[in-house]
Protein backbone atom coordinates (compact mmCIF):
# COMPACT_ATOMS: atom_id res chain seq x y z
CA MET A 1 22.74 -55.72 5.91
CA ILE A 2 19.76 -53.35 5.49
CA ASP A 3 18.43 -51.74 8.56
CA VAL A 4 15.02 -53.51 8.33
CA PRO A 5 13.07 -53.08 11.77
CA VAL A 6 12.20 -56.45 13.78
CA GLU A 7 8.29 -55.35 13.83
CA ILE A 8 8.08 -56.70 10.05
CA ALA A 9 8.90 -60.06 11.21
CA MET A 10 7.51 -60.21 14.76
CA SER A 11 4.53 -62.38 15.64
CA GLU A 12 1.75 -61.94 18.48
CA PRO A 13 3.22 -63.89 21.46
CA LEU A 14 1.22 -66.40 23.68
CA PHE A 15 0.62 -64.79 27.15
CA VAL A 16 -0.05 -67.20 30.11
CA ASN A 17 -0.84 -66.27 33.86
CA GLY A 18 2.20 -67.68 36.19
CA GLN A 19 -0.36 -69.45 38.11
CA LEU A 20 -1.30 -71.80 35.43
CA SER A 21 -0.08 -75.38 35.60
CA VAL A 22 2.72 -76.54 33.35
CA TYR A 23 0.17 -78.88 31.91
CA ASN A 24 -2.68 -76.49 31.14
CA ALA A 25 0.16 -73.94 29.60
CA MET A 26 1.49 -76.61 27.44
CA LYS A 27 -2.13 -77.43 26.27
CA LYS A 28 -2.32 -73.49 25.46
CA MET A 29 0.95 -73.73 23.38
CA ILE A 30 -0.08 -76.69 21.34
CA ASN A 31 -3.58 -75.24 20.67
CA THR A 32 -2.09 -72.19 19.47
CA GLY A 33 0.84 -73.65 17.67
CA LYS A 34 3.41 -71.79 19.61
CA LYS A 35 6.69 -73.33 20.94
CA TYR A 36 6.90 -70.94 23.78
CA CYS A 37 4.75 -68.83 26.17
CA ILE A 38 5.42 -65.62 28.09
CA VAL A 39 4.71 -65.91 31.64
CA LEU A 40 2.80 -63.00 33.60
CA ASP A 41 2.17 -62.36 37.14
CA GLU A 42 -1.14 -61.17 38.55
CA GLU A 43 -0.37 -57.78 37.42
CA ASN A 44 0.28 -58.70 33.83
CA ASN A 45 3.97 -58.00 34.17
CA TYR A 46 5.99 -60.42 32.50
CA ILE A 47 8.07 -62.98 34.66
CA GLY A 48 9.74 -64.81 31.93
CA VAL A 49 9.55 -67.15 29.08
CA VAL A 50 8.97 -71.05 28.69
CA THR A 51 9.93 -73.06 25.75
CA ILE A 52 8.80 -76.84 25.05
CA SER A 53 12.65 -77.61 25.64
CA ASP A 54 12.01 -76.12 29.29
CA ILE A 55 9.06 -78.01 30.03
CA ILE A 56 10.61 -81.18 29.02
CA LYS A 57 13.73 -80.38 31.12
CA HIS A 58 11.67 -79.54 34.11
CA THR A 59 8.90 -82.19 33.93
CA VAL A 60 10.73 -85.05 32.45
CA LEU A 61 14.45 -84.64 33.37
CA GLU A 62 13.91 -83.25 36.87
CA LYS A 63 10.72 -85.34 37.38
CA LYS A 64 8.44 -82.65 38.31
CA SER A 65 4.52 -83.07 37.96
CA PRO A 66 3.23 -81.08 34.93
CA GLU A 67 -0.11 -80.82 36.59
CA SER A 68 1.11 -79.68 40.02
CA THR A 69 3.96 -77.38 38.83
CA LYS A 70 3.10 -73.65 38.18
CA ILE A 71 4.57 -72.31 34.80
CA LYS A 72 6.15 -69.51 36.73
CA GLU A 73 8.21 -72.00 38.50
CA ILE A 74 10.10 -72.94 35.43
CA ALA A 75 9.96 -69.70 33.58
CA THR A 76 13.42 -68.23 32.42
CA GLU A 77 13.83 -64.73 33.18
CA ILE A 78 13.55 -62.43 30.11
CA ILE A 79 16.98 -60.52 29.96
CA ILE A 80 16.90 -58.96 26.60
CA THR A 81 14.19 -57.13 24.66
CA LEU A 82 14.18 -55.03 21.50
CA SER A 83 12.05 -52.12 20.43
CA PRO A 84 9.94 -52.50 17.34
CA ASN A 85 12.23 -50.44 15.07
CA ALA A 86 15.42 -51.96 16.25
CA PRO A 87 17.14 -53.52 13.08
CA ILE A 88 16.66 -57.33 12.32
CA GLU A 89 20.61 -57.60 12.25
CA LYS A 90 20.62 -56.44 16.06
CA ALA A 91 18.03 -59.35 16.86
CA LEU A 92 20.48 -61.86 15.20
CA ASP A 93 23.40 -60.40 17.00
CA LEU A 94 21.70 -60.63 20.38
CA MET A 95 20.26 -64.18 19.53
CA LYS A 96 23.73 -65.30 18.90
CA LYS A 97 25.45 -63.53 21.83
CA TYR A 98 22.72 -64.82 24.43
CA LYS A 99 22.28 -68.28 22.77
CA VAL A 100 18.40 -67.76 22.67
CA SER A 101 16.07 -68.13 19.73
CA LYS A 102 13.24 -65.97 20.79
CA ILE A 103 13.26 -61.97 21.88
CA PRO A 104 10.39 -60.30 23.15
CA ILE A 105 9.76 -56.94 21.40
CA THR A 106 8.68 -54.23 23.87
CA LYS A 107 7.09 -50.73 23.49
CA ASN A 108 6.53 -48.43 26.60
CA GLY A 109 7.71 -51.30 28.88
CA LYS A 110 4.92 -53.78 27.35
CA ILE A 111 5.59 -56.74 25.24
CA ILE A 112 3.99 -55.97 22.09
CA GLY A 113 5.42 -59.18 20.04
CA ILE A 114 7.98 -61.43 19.69
CA ILE A 115 10.74 -62.10 17.22
CA THR A 116 11.90 -65.61 16.71
CA GLU A 117 14.78 -67.46 14.76
CA ASN A 118 12.17 -69.03 12.28
CA GLU A 119 10.50 -65.72 11.73
CA LEU A 120 13.77 -64.35 10.70
CA ILE A 121 14.62 -66.81 8.45
CA GLY A 122 11.15 -66.68 6.92
CA VAL A 123 11.80 -62.98 6.05
CA LEU A 124 15.35 -63.35 4.65
CA PRO A 125 14.14 -64.35 1.17
CA TYR A 126 12.08 -60.86 1.09
CA LEU A 127 15.09 -58.95 2.04
CA ILE A 128 17.54 -60.89 -0.30
CA ASP A 129 15.28 -60.12 -3.63
CA PRO A 130 15.38 -56.44 -3.14
CA LEU A 131 19.10 -56.39 -2.38
CA LYS A 132 19.79 -58.47 -5.61
CA GLU A 133 17.64 -55.79 -7.63
CA LEU A 134 19.58 -53.06 -5.91
CA VAL A 135 23.07 -54.58 -6.59
CA ASN A 136 22.07 -55.19 -10.43
CA PHE A 137 20.83 -51.81 -10.70
CA LEU A 138 24.19 -50.37 -9.03
CA ILE A 139 26.14 -52.48 -11.38
CA ASN A 140 24.31 -51.15 -14.42
CA GLU A 141 24.93 -47.75 -13.16
CA ILE A 142 28.73 -48.44 -12.65
CA ASN A 143 28.97 -50.19 -16.09
CA LYS A 144 27.36 -46.79 -17.69
CA GLU A 145 29.52 -44.60 -16.03
CA LEU A 146 32.64 -46.60 -17.11
CA GLN A 147 31.44 -46.67 -20.66
CA ASN A 148 30.94 -42.96 -20.43
CA SER A 149 34.44 -42.56 -18.98
CA GLU A 150 35.75 -44.90 -21.53
CA ASN A 151 34.09 -42.95 -24.51
CA LYS A 152 35.41 -39.65 -22.85
CA ASN A 153 38.96 -41.00 -22.79
CA LYS A 154 38.74 -42.27 -26.36
CA THR A 155 37.58 -39.00 -27.39
CA GLU A 156 40.34 -37.24 -25.53
CA ILE A 157 42.96 -39.64 -27.12
CA ASN A 158 41.47 -38.86 -30.64
CA TYR A 159 41.75 -35.18 -29.93
CA ARG A 160 45.30 -35.24 -28.82
CA LYS A 161 46.24 -37.27 -31.72
CA GLU A 162 44.62 -34.86 -34.11
CA ILE A 163 46.69 -31.89 -32.19
CA THR A 164 49.73 -33.75 -32.43
CA THR A 165 49.19 -34.60 -36.18
CA ALA A 166 48.37 -30.83 -36.88
CA VAL A 167 51.52 -29.64 -34.96
CA LYS A 168 53.68 -32.07 -37.03
CA ARG A 169 52.13 -31.05 -40.35
CA ASN A 170 52.86 -27.29 -39.44
CA LYS A 171 56.61 -28.00 -38.32
CA VAL A 172 57.51 -30.11 -41.27
């Protein structure tokens, strides 16, 4: 795969204060169309990430109150991040390895974006079309070279035949 940086597919993450209730964080997620949020402490350092699945797991299955549970209490620690110039292939490999669907993008220790599986899937068609064009170009160039090589070989064979014929005429 081509080394395309993740920054072309990253989006702006939703940040929420860790003191926010799960209920209010979920409202923000719904209002912004995000299926996750990045949880920050009082100094704006990131604590972790919370997905809709995390909220369901902790509130419904573990019977925690969404109104009284702080979002930081259910946050999953962020164990992997990528730099903006990391290749998309690396993001895909890490998602598979760690079984995650989102990876924060950091620069100078701060989260500047996030890359999700859906965003990567969305960018793939834009990567495939240029690759098809490149492959077609290379095939045409190879065919030209083969044709030139074939013509050169025919010329050499004809030249050898002419020399052989000339040599035979002089001997007989």
